[in-house]
Amino acid sequence: MKQAITGFNQDIYGDWVAELACGHAQHVRHNPPWQSRPWVVTEAGRQKMLGLELGCVLCDRNE
């Protein structure tokens, strides 16, 4: 189920986590070549992505 990004925080390892409208969270790492999300490493990039919808696996499983 698609859910909008409402904010970001960092986990204990410094990786960025998107806070979703449903209350769940999802890591949004920039770790090329597996995950290419260069926007996550800057404040301006993260701000531009507020409202972007990501698939929430936990919502898909009704958790």
N, C-alpha and C. Protein backbone atom coordinates (compact mmCIF):
# COMPACT_ATOMS: atom_id res chain seq x y z
N MET A 1 0.84 -1.16 0.00
CA MET A 1 0.00 0.00 0.00
C MET A 1 0.90 1.24 0.00
N LYS A 2 0.60 2.18 -0.86
CA LYS A 2 1.38 3.41 -0.94
C LYS A 2 1.03 4.34 0.21
N GLN A 3 2.07 4.89 0.84
CA GLN A 3 1.91 5.83 1.94
C GLN A 3 2.86 7.01 1.73
N ALA A 4 2.40 8.20 2.06
CA ALA A 4 3.22 9.41 1.87
C ALA A 4 4.30 9.52 2.94
N ILE A 5 5.46 10.05 2.53
CA ILE A 5 6.53 10.36 3.47
C ILE A 5 6.14 11.64 4.20
N THR A 6 6.17 11.59 5.53
CA THR A 6 5.82 12.77 6.33
C THR A 6 7.03 13.37 7.04
N GLY A 7 8.13 12.65 7.07
CA GLY A 7 9.34 13.15 7.72
C GLY A 7 10.45 12.13 7.64
N PHE A 8 11.58 12.47 8.23
CA PHE A 8 12.75 11.58 8.23
C PHE A 8 13.41 11.62 9.59
N ASN A 9 14.07 10.52 9.95
CA ASN A 9 14.94 10.47 11.12
C ASN A 9 16.07 9.52 10.80
N GLN A 10 17.05 9.47 11.66
CA GLN A 10 18.18 8.56 11.47
C GLN A 10 18.14 7.47 12.53
N ASP A 11 18.51 6.25 12.09
CA ASP A 11 18.58 5.15 13.05
C ASP A 11 19.92 5.23 13.81
N ILE A 12 20.16 4.28 14.68
CA ILE A 12 21.36 4.33 15.52
C ILE A 12 22.66 4.20 14.72
N TYR A 13 22.57 3.77 13.46
CA TYR A 13 23.75 3.62 12.60
C TYR A 13 23.93 4.81 11.67
N GLY A 14 23.00 5.79 11.74
CA GLY A 14 23.10 6.96 10.88
C GLY A 14 22.40 6.81 9.55
N ASP A 15 21.72 5.69 9.34
CA ASP A 15 20.97 5.50 8.10
C ASP A 15 19.64 6.25 8.19
N TRP A 16 19.20 6.81 7.06
CA TRP A 16 17.96 7.58 7.04
C TRP A 16 16.75 6.68 6.96
N VAL A 17 15.73 7.07 7.69
CA VAL A 17 14.47 6.33 7.77
C VAL A 17 13.35 7.30 7.44
N ALA A 18 12.49 6.92 6.48
CA ALA A 18 11.33 7.74 6.13
C ALA A 18 10.20 7.41 7.09
N GLU A 19 9.58 8.46 7.62
CA GLU A 19 8.39 8.29 8.46
C GLU A 19 7.19 8.39 7.52
N LEU A 20 6.31 7.40 7.57
CA LEU A 20 5.19 7.34 6.65
C LEU A 20 3.88 7.78 7.30
N ALA A 21 2.93 8.22 6.49
CA ALA A 21 1.65 8.73 6.98
C ALA A 21 0.89 7.69 7.80
N CYS A 22 1.13 6.42 7.55
CA CYS A 22 0.44 5.35 8.27
C CYS A 22 1.01 5.12 9.67
N GLY A 23 2.15 5.75 9.97
CA GLY A 23 2.79 5.56 11.26
C GLY A 23 3.95 4.57 11.21
N HIS A 24 4.11 3.87 10.11
CA HIS A 24 5.23 2.96 9.94
C HIS A 24 6.45 3.73 9.44
N ALA A 25 7.57 3.05 9.32
CA ALA A 25 8.81 3.67 8.87
C ALA A 25 9.49 2.75 7.86
N GLN A 26 10.31 3.35 7.00
CA GLN A 26 11.02 2.56 5.99
C GLN A 26 12.40 3.17 5.76
N HIS A 27 13.45 2.34 5.79
CA HIS A 27 14.78 2.82 5.48
C HIS A 27 14.84 3.32 4.03
N VAL A 28 15.55 4.42 3.83
CA VAL A 28 15.75 4.97 2.48
C VAL A 28 17.25 5.23 2.31
N ARG A 29 18.00 4.16 2.21
CA ARG A 29 19.46 4.26 2.13
C ARG A 29 19.93 4.61 0.72
N HIS A 30 21.05 5.30 0.67
CA HIS A 30 21.76 5.51 -0.59
C HIS A 30 22.99 4.63 -0.51
N ASN A 31 22.95 3.50 -1.20
CA ASN A 31 24.01 2.51 -1.12
C ASN A 31 24.25 1.91 -2.51
N PRO A 32 24.79 2.73 -3.43
CA PRO A 32 25.00 2.24 -4.80
C PRO A 32 25.89 1.01 -4.82
N PRO A 33 25.71 0.08 -5.74
CA PRO A 33 24.72 0.12 -6.83
C PRO A 33 23.38 -0.50 -6.45
N TRP A 34 23.23 -0.97 -5.24
CA TRP A 34 21.99 -1.65 -4.86
C TRP A 34 20.82 -0.68 -4.67
N GLN A 35 21.06 0.44 -4.02
CA GLN A 35 20.01 1.42 -3.78
C GLN A 35 20.56 2.79 -4.16
N SER A 36 19.97 3.40 -5.16
CA SER A 36 20.42 4.71 -5.62
C SER A 36 19.42 5.77 -5.20
N ARG A 37 19.70 6.40 -4.09
CA ARG A 37 18.86 7.48 -3.57
C ARG A 37 19.75 8.63 -3.12
N PRO A 38 20.43 9.28 -4.07
CA PRO A 38 21.34 10.36 -3.70
C PRO A 38 20.64 11.52 -2.99
N TRP A 39 19.35 11.66 -3.20
CA TRP A 39 18.59 12.75 -2.57
C TRP A 39 18.55 12.62 -1.06
N VAL A 40 18.75 11.42 -0.52
CA VAL A 40 18.61 11.21 0.92
C VAL A 40 19.78 11.79 1.72
N VAL A 41 20.89 12.06 1.08
CA VAL A 41 22.07 12.50 1.82
C VAL A 41 22.09 14.00 2.11
N THR A 42 21.14 14.77 1.56
CA THR A 42 21.09 16.21 1.84
C THR A 42 19.73 16.58 2.42
N GLU A 43 19.74 17.61 3.25
CA GLU A 43 18.49 18.11 3.82
C GLU A 43 17.53 18.57 2.72
N ALA A 44 18.06 19.29 1.74
CA ALA A 44 17.21 19.78 0.64
C ALA A 44 16.61 18.62 -0.14
N GLY A 45 17.39 17.59 -0.37
CA GLY A 45 16.89 16.41 -1.08
C GLY A 45 15.78 15.72 -0.32
N ARG A 46 15.94 15.57 0.98
CA ARG A 46 14.90 14.93 1.79
C ARG A 46 13.64 15.79 1.82
N GLN A 47 13.80 17.09 1.93
CA GLN A 47 12.63 17.99 1.95
C GLN A 47 11.83 17.89 0.65
N LYS A 48 12.53 17.75 -0.48
CA LYS A 48 11.85 17.62 -1.77
C LYS A 48 11.01 16.35 -1.84
N MET A 49 11.36 15.34 -1.07
CA MET A 49 10.67 14.06 -1.14
C MET A 49 9.49 13.93 -0.17
N LEU A 50 9.29 14.93 0.67
CA LEU A 50 8.12 14.89 1.56
C LEU A 50 6.87 14.81 0.70
N GLY A 51 5.99 13.90 1.04
CA GLY A 51 4.77 13.69 0.26
C GLY A 51 4.89 12.58 -0.77
N LEU A 52 6.13 12.21 -1.14
CA LEU A 52 6.34 11.09 -2.06
C LEU A 52 5.75 9.83 -1.45
N GLU A 53 5.11 9.02 -2.25
CA GLU A 53 4.52 7.79 -1.73
C GLU A 53 5.46 6.61 -1.92
N LEU A 54 5.65 5.86 -0.86
CA LEU A 54 6.44 4.62 -0.89
C LEU A 54 5.52 3.46 -0.56
N GLY A 55 5.85 2.30 -1.05
CA GLY A 55 5.09 1.11 -0.70
C GLY A 55 5.39 0.69 0.73
N CYS A 56 4.36 0.50 1.53
CA CYS A 56 4.53 0.08 2.93
C CYS A 56 4.18 -1.40 3.04
N VAL A 57 5.21 -2.21 3.26
CA VAL A 57 5.03 -3.66 3.37
C VAL A 57 4.18 -4.01 4.60
N LEU A 58 4.36 -3.28 5.69
CA LEU A 58 3.60 -3.57 6.90
C LEU A 58 2.10 -3.32 6.69
N CYS A 59 1.75 -2.26 5.98
CA CYS A 59 0.34 -2.02 5.66
C CYS A 59 -0.20 -3.11 4.74
N ASP A 60 0.64 -3.54 3.79
CA ASP A 60 0.22 -4.62 2.88
C ASP A 60 -0.12 -5.89 3.66
N ARG A 61 0.58 -6.11 4.78
CA ARG A 61 0.34 -7.30 5.61
C ARG A 61 -0.68 -7.03 6.71
N ASN A 62 -1.32 -5.86 6.68
CA ASN A 62 -2.31 -5.47 7.69
C ASN A 62 -1.74 -5.44 9.10
N GLU A 63 -0.50 -4.97 9.23
CA GLU A 63 0.14 -4.87 10.56
C GLU A 63 0.03 -3.45 11.09
